Amino acid sequence: MARLVLCDHAVDVAEGATGLVATGNDPDTGPGGRVSQAFQLVEFAERALVPAVVFERERGSSWTEIAPYLGIGPAEVEERFAAHPDHWNTAFEVPYRLDDTGRKRVPQLPTAAYDPVWACDRLDTWARNRLVLVNDERPVSSGLGRAAPEEELPPVTP
């Protein structure tokens, strides 16, 4: 499930980067506009980092193995990210919390985790339409099917 959420966040990163590629609309962009877009891309990437760490921890990666990729020591990585896998696991037990007023339910999990079948269909479609060299009908969910129970994901077809 963490890998599916990471896929969902990766789409945000990719779509954010796409907006910076074309130059034809540069004259229509106000001062600092491209910096704003680049900064938003950094924010999208930082949001993708959390499910990436959760995924790596779920598949057995240690803080020491993750640390070199973040350019900081294992203790710093653990201090920065240790709460996220715990929060992730707790959120499956308590998927909503009440807001400060006590009247509105606030989701504890990312959207893709609430409806994985819908998320797989959407991500498969996105990937088929944009990943030129991928020749797979289900480029996202086919890889997830090997790691998750069948009832959570669409069936994988050979």
C-alpha atoms as a PDB file:
ATOM      1  CA  MET A   1       0.000   0.000   0.000  1.00  0.00           C
ATOM      2  CA  ALA A   2       2.877   2.366   0.749  1.00  0.00           C
ATOM      3  CA  ARG A   3       4.232   1.723  -2.748  1.00  0.00           C
ATOM      4  CA  LEU A   4       0.850   2.623  -4.238  1.00  0.00           C
ATOM      5  CA  VAL A   5       0.812   5.882  -2.262  1.00  0.00           C
ATOM      6  CA  LEU A   6       4.352   6.589  -3.448  1.00  0.00           C
ATOM      7  CA  CYS A   7       3.192   6.059  -7.056  1.00  0.00           C
ATOM      8  CA  ASP A   8       0.374   8.528  -6.471  1.00  0.00           C
ATOM      9  CA  HIS A   9       2.769  11.160  -5.108  1.00  0.00           C
ATOM     10  CA  ALA A  10       5.209  10.506  -7.960  1.00  0.00           C
ATOM     11  CA  VAL A  11       2.491  11.499 -10.433  1.00  0.00           C
ATOM     12  CA  ASP A  12       2.247  14.876  -8.678  1.00  0.00           C
ATOM     13  CA  VAL A  13       6.016  15.291  -9.023  1.00  0.00           C
ATOM     14  CA  ALA A  14       5.963  14.328 -12.703  1.00  0.00           C
ATOM     15  CA  GLU A  15       3.029  16.590 -13.509  1.00  0.00           C
ATOM     16  CA  GLY A  16       4.690  19.456 -11.638  1.00  0.00           C
ATOM     17  CA  ALA A  17       7.892  18.975 -13.624  1.00  0.00           C
ATOM     18  CA  THR A  18       5.962  18.896 -16.891  1.00  0.00           C
ATOM     19  CA  GLY A  19       4.814  22.470 -16.318  1.00  0.00           C
ATOM     20  CA  LEU A  20       8.427  23.633 -16.310  1.00  0.00           C
ATOM     21  CA  VAL A  21       9.395  22.023 -19.615  1.00  0.00           C
ATOM     22  CA  ALA A  22       7.615  24.129 -22.245  1.00  0.00           C
ATOM     23  CA  THR A  23       8.873  27.676 -22.761  1.00  0.00           C
ATOM     24  CA  GLY A  24       6.131  29.091 -24.975  1.00  0.00           C
ATOM     25  CA  ASN A  25       4.175  30.591 -22.093  1.00  0.00           C
ATOM     26  CA  ASP A  26       7.155  32.205 -20.369  1.00  0.00           C
ATOM     27  CA  PRO A  27       6.113  35.730 -21.486  1.00  0.00           C
ATOM     28  CA  ASP A  28       2.723  35.172 -19.809  1.00  0.00           C
ATOM     29  CA  THR A  29       4.305  34.212 -16.505  1.00  0.00           C
ATOM     30  CA  GLY A  30       4.754  37.009 -13.999  1.00  0.00           C
ATOM     31  CA  PRO A  31       8.023  37.756 -12.222  1.00  0.00           C
ATOM     32  CA  GLY A  32       9.061  34.775 -10.128  1.00  0.00           C
ATOM     33  CA  GLY A  33       6.464  32.504 -11.739  1.00  0.00           C
ATOM     34  CA  ARG A  34       8.881  29.797 -12.783  1.00  0.00           C
ATOM     35  CA  VAL A  35      10.557  29.914  -9.368  1.00  0.00           C
ATOM     36  CA  SER A  36       7.119  29.389  -7.847  1.00  0.00           C
ATOM     37  CA  GLN A  37       6.571  26.347 -10.060  1.00  0.00           C
ATOM     38  CA  ALA A  38      10.022  24.932  -9.253  1.00  0.00           C
ATOM     39  CA  PHE A  39       9.434  25.439  -5.533  1.00  0.00           C
ATOM     40  CA  GLN A  40       6.090  23.642  -5.786  1.00  0.00           C
ATOM     41  CA  LEU A  41       7.912  20.786  -7.509  1.00  0.00           C
ATOM     42  CA  VAL A  42      10.311  20.579  -4.550  1.00  0.00           C
ATOM     43  CA  GLU A  43       7.313  20.447  -2.188  1.00  0.00           C
ATOM     44  CA  PHE A  44       5.759  17.631  -4.239  1.00  0.00           C
ATOM     45  CA  ALA A  45       9.065  15.722  -4.114  1.00  0.00           C
ATOM     46  CA  GLU A  46       9.332  16.193  -0.348  1.00  0.00           C
ATOM     47  CA  ARG A  47       5.789  14.816   0.045  1.00  0.00           C
ATOM     48  CA  ALA A  48       6.812  11.785  -2.031  1.00  0.00           C
ATOM     49  CA  LEU A  49       9.799  11.193   0.242  1.00  0.00           C
ATOM     50  CA  VAL A  50       7.667  10.161   3.233  1.00  0.00           C
ATOM     51  CA  PRO A  51       5.848   7.265   1.504  1.00  0.00           C
ATOM     52  CA  ALA A  52       9.184   6.275  -0.064  1.00  0.00           C
ATOM     53  CA  VAL A  53      10.711   5.948   3.403  1.00  0.00           C
ATOM     54  CA  VAL A  54       7.633   4.119   4.718  1.00  0.00           C
ATOM     55  CA  PHE A  55       7.809   1.726   1.758  1.00  0.00           C
ATOM     56  CA  GLU A  56      11.514   1.080   2.291  1.00  0.00           C
ATOM     57  CA  ARG A  57      10.988   0.434   5.994  1.00  0.00           C
ATOM     58  CA  GLU A  58       8.101  -1.943   5.227  1.00  0.00           C
ATOM     59  CA  ARG A  59      10.285  -3.933   2.879  1.00  0.00           C
ATOM     60  CA  GLY A  60      13.002  -4.211   5.493  1.00  0.00           C
ATOM     61  CA  SER A  61      15.450  -1.402   4.708  1.00  0.00           C
ATOM     62  CA  SER A  62      17.304  -0.150   7.779  1.00  0.00           C
ATOM     63  CA  TRP A  63      17.889   3.494   8.639  1.00  0.00           C
ATOM     64  CA  THR A  64      21.561   2.849   7.824  1.00  0.00           C
ATOM     65  CA  GLU A  65      20.634   1.612   4.332  1.00  0.00           C
ATOM     66  CA  ILE A  66      18.329   4.608   3.691  1.00  0.00           C
ATOM     67  CA  ALA A  67      20.695   7.276   5.059  1.00  0.00           C
ATOM     68  CA  PRO A  68      23.226   7.461   2.177  1.00  0.00           C
ATOM     69  CA  TYR A  69      20.446   8.317  -0.262  1.00  0.00           C
ATOM     70  CA  LEU A  70      19.402  11.279   1.845  1.00  0.00           C
ATOM     71  CA  GLY A  71      22.929  12.539   2.467  1.00  0.00           C
ATOM     72  CA  ILE A  72      22.569  12.467   6.244  1.00  0.00           C
ATOM     73  CA  GLY A  73      23.474   9.998   8.962  1.00  0.00           C
ATOM     74  CA  PRO A  74      21.300   7.077  10.070  1.00  0.00           C
ATOM     75  CA  ALA A  75      20.473   8.731  13.402  1.00  0.00           C
ATOM     76  CA  GLU A  76      19.272  11.880  11.624  1.00  0.00           C
ATOM     77  CA  VAL A  77      17.179   9.827   9.194  1.00  0.00           C
ATOM     78  CA  GLU A  78      15.599   7.907  12.047  1.00  0.00           C
ATOM     79  CA  GLU A  79      14.911  11.097  13.993  1.00  0.00           C
ATOM     80  CA  ARG A  80      13.321  12.757  10.959  1.00  0.00           C
ATOM     81  CA  PHE A  81      11.259   9.817   9.691  1.00  0.00           C
ATOM     82  CA  ALA A  82      10.703   7.291  12.529  1.00  0.00           C
ATOM     83  CA  ALA A  83       7.240   8.633  13.362  1.00  0.00           C
ATOM     84  CA  HIS A  84       5.978   8.203   9.788  1.00  0.00           C
ATOM     85  CA  PRO A  85       5.878   4.370   9.639  1.00  0.00           C
ATOM     86  CA  ASP A  86       4.251   4.376  13.084  1.00  0.00           C
ATOM     87  CA  HIS A  87       1.651   6.918  11.979  1.00  0.00           C
ATOM     88  CA  TRP A  88       1.081   4.921   8.779  1.00  0.00           C
ATOM     89  CA  ASN A  89       0.363   1.719  10.700  1.00  0.00           C
ATOM     90  CA  THR A  90      -1.843   3.476  13.259  1.00  0.00           C
ATOM     91  CA  ALA A  91      -3.824   5.172  10.481  1.00  0.00           C
ATOM     92  CA  PHE A  92      -4.968   1.772   9.195  1.00  0.00           C
ATOM     93  CA  GLU A  93      -6.399   1.020  12.622  1.00  0.00           C
ATOM     94  CA  VAL A  94      -7.929   4.500  13.015  1.00  0.00           C
ATOM     95  CA  PRO A  95      -8.383   5.842   9.461  1.00  0.00           C
ATOM     96  CA  TYR A  96     -10.106   9.080  10.549  1.00  0.00           C
ATOM     97  CA  ARG A  97      -9.776  11.526  13.423  1.00  0.00           C
ATOM     98  CA  LEU A  98     -12.112  14.306  14.433  1.00  0.00           C
ATOM     99  CA  ASP A  99     -11.074  17.891  13.737  1.00  0.00           C
ATOM    100  CA  ASP A 100     -10.719  20.478  16.514  1.00  0.00           C
ATOM    101  CA  THR A 101     -14.472  21.137  16.503  1.00  0.00           C
ATOM    102  CA  GLY A 102     -15.197  17.436  16.966  1.00  0.00           C
ATOM    103  CA  ARG A 103     -17.652  17.464  14.063  1.00  0.00           C
ATOM    104  CA  LYS A 104     -15.635  16.738  10.949  1.00  0.00           C
ATOM    105  CA  ARG A 105     -13.752  13.527  10.155  1.00  0.00           C
ATOM    106  CA  VAL A 106     -10.207  14.103   8.895  1.00  0.00           C
ATOM    107  CA  PRO A 107      -8.533  11.331   6.869  1.00  0.00           C
ATOM    108  CA  GLN A 108      -5.362   9.914   8.390  1.00  0.00           C
ATOM    109  CA  LEU A 109      -4.227   8.122   5.213  1.00  0.00           C
ATOM    110  CA  PRO A 110      -3.407   9.419   1.732  1.00  0.00           C
ATOM    111  CA  THR A 111      -6.260   9.188  -0.777  1.00  0.00           C
ATOM    112  CA  ALA A 112      -4.788   6.235  -2.677  1.00  0.00           C
ATOM    113  CA  ALA A 113      -4.837   4.102   0.486  1.00  0.00           C
ATOM    114  CA  TYR A 114      -8.597   4.541   0.963  1.00  0.00           C
ATOM    115  CA  ASP A 115      -9.491   3.190  -2.454  1.00  0.00           C
ATOM    116  CA  PRO A 116      -6.568   1.184  -3.866  1.00  0.00           C
ATOM    117  CA  VAL A 117      -8.535  -0.277  -6.780  1.00  0.00           C
ATOM    118  CA  TRP A 118      -9.522   3.198  -7.981  1.00  0.00           C
ATOM    119  CA  ALA A 119      -5.960   4.440  -7.434  1.00  0.00           C
ATOM    120  CA  CYS A 120      -4.493   1.525  -9.419  1.00  0.00           C
ATOM    121  CA  ASP A 121      -6.851   2.129 -12.326  1.00  0.00           C
ATOM    122  CA  ARG A 122      -6.041   5.849 -12.362  1.00  0.00           C
ATOM    123  CA  LEU A 123      -2.287   5.304 -12.059  1.00  0.00           C
ATOM    124  CA  ASP A 124      -2.265   2.547 -14.688  1.00  0.00           C
ATOM    125  CA  THR A 125      -4.060   4.874 -17.101  1.00  0.00           C
ATOM    126  CA  TRP A 126      -1.685   7.745 -16.313  1.00  0.00           C
ATOM    127  CA  ALA A 127       1.373   5.553 -16.839  1.00  0.00           C
ATOM    128  CA  ARG A 128       0.071   3.989 -20.084  1.00  0.00           C
ATOM    129  CA  ASN A 129      -0.557   7.462 -21.493  1.00  0.00           C
ATOM    130  CA  ARG A 130       2.804   8.933 -20.538  1.00  0.00           C
ATOM    131  CA  LEU A 131       5.465   6.239 -20.242  1.00  0.00           C
ATOM    132  CA  VAL A 132       6.484   5.741 -23.846  1.00  0.00           C
ATOM    133  CA  LEU A 133       8.698   2.662 -23.519  1.00  0.00           C
ATOM    134  CA  VAL A 134       6.419   0.767 -21.139  1.00  0.00           C
ATOM    135  CA  ASN A 135       4.469  -1.953 -22.890  1.00  0.00           C
ATOM    136  CA  ASP A 136       2.279  -3.153 -20.047  1.00  0.00           C
ATOM    137  CA  GLU A 137      -1.503  -2.901 -19.773  1.00  0.00           C
ATOM    138  CA  ARG A 138      -1.217  -2.362 -16.014  1.00  0.00           C
ATOM    139  CA  PRO A 139       2.210  -0.715 -15.553  1.00  0.00           C
ATOM    140  CA  VAL A 140       1.577   0.214 -11.923  1.00  0.00           C
ATOM    141  CA  SER A 141      -0.726  -2.442 -10.512  1.00  0.00           C
ATOM    142  CA  SER A 142       1.011  -5.396 -12.163  1.00  0.00           C
ATOM    143  CA  GLY A 143       4.075  -4.819 -10.001  1.00  0.00           C
ATOM    144  CA  LEU A 144       1.997  -4.198  -6.902  1.00  0.00           C
ATOM    145  CA  GLY A 145       0.096  -7.457  -7.321  1.00  0.00           C
ATOM    146  CA  ARG A 146       3.195  -9.407  -6.384  1.00  0.00           C
ATOM    147  CA  ALA A 147       3.403  -7.701  -2.996  1.00  0.00           C
ATOM    148  CA  ALA A 148      -0.240  -7.244  -1.938  1.00  0.00           C
ATOM    149  CA  PRO A 149      -3.240  -9.489  -1.358  1.00  0.00           C
ATOM    150  CA  GLU A 150      -5.363 -10.018  -4.478  1.00  0.00           C
ATOM    151  CA  GLU A 151      -8.503  -8.593  -2.918  1.00  0.00           C
ATOM    152  CA  GLU A 152      -6.844  -5.192  -2.577  1.00  0.00           C
ATOM    153  CA  LEU A 153      -5.725  -4.822  -6.206  1.00  0.00           C
ATOM    154  CA  PRO A 154      -7.181  -5.511  -9.618  1.00  0.00           C
ATOM    155  CA  PRO A 155      -6.261  -8.941 -10.994  1.00  0.00           C
ATOM    156  CA  VAL A 156      -2.983  -9.173 -12.850  1.00  0.00           C
ATOM    157  CA  THR A 157      -3.351 -10.550 -16.365  1.00  0.00           C
ATOM    158  CA  PRO A 158      -0.424 -12.269 -18.089  1.00  0.00           C
END
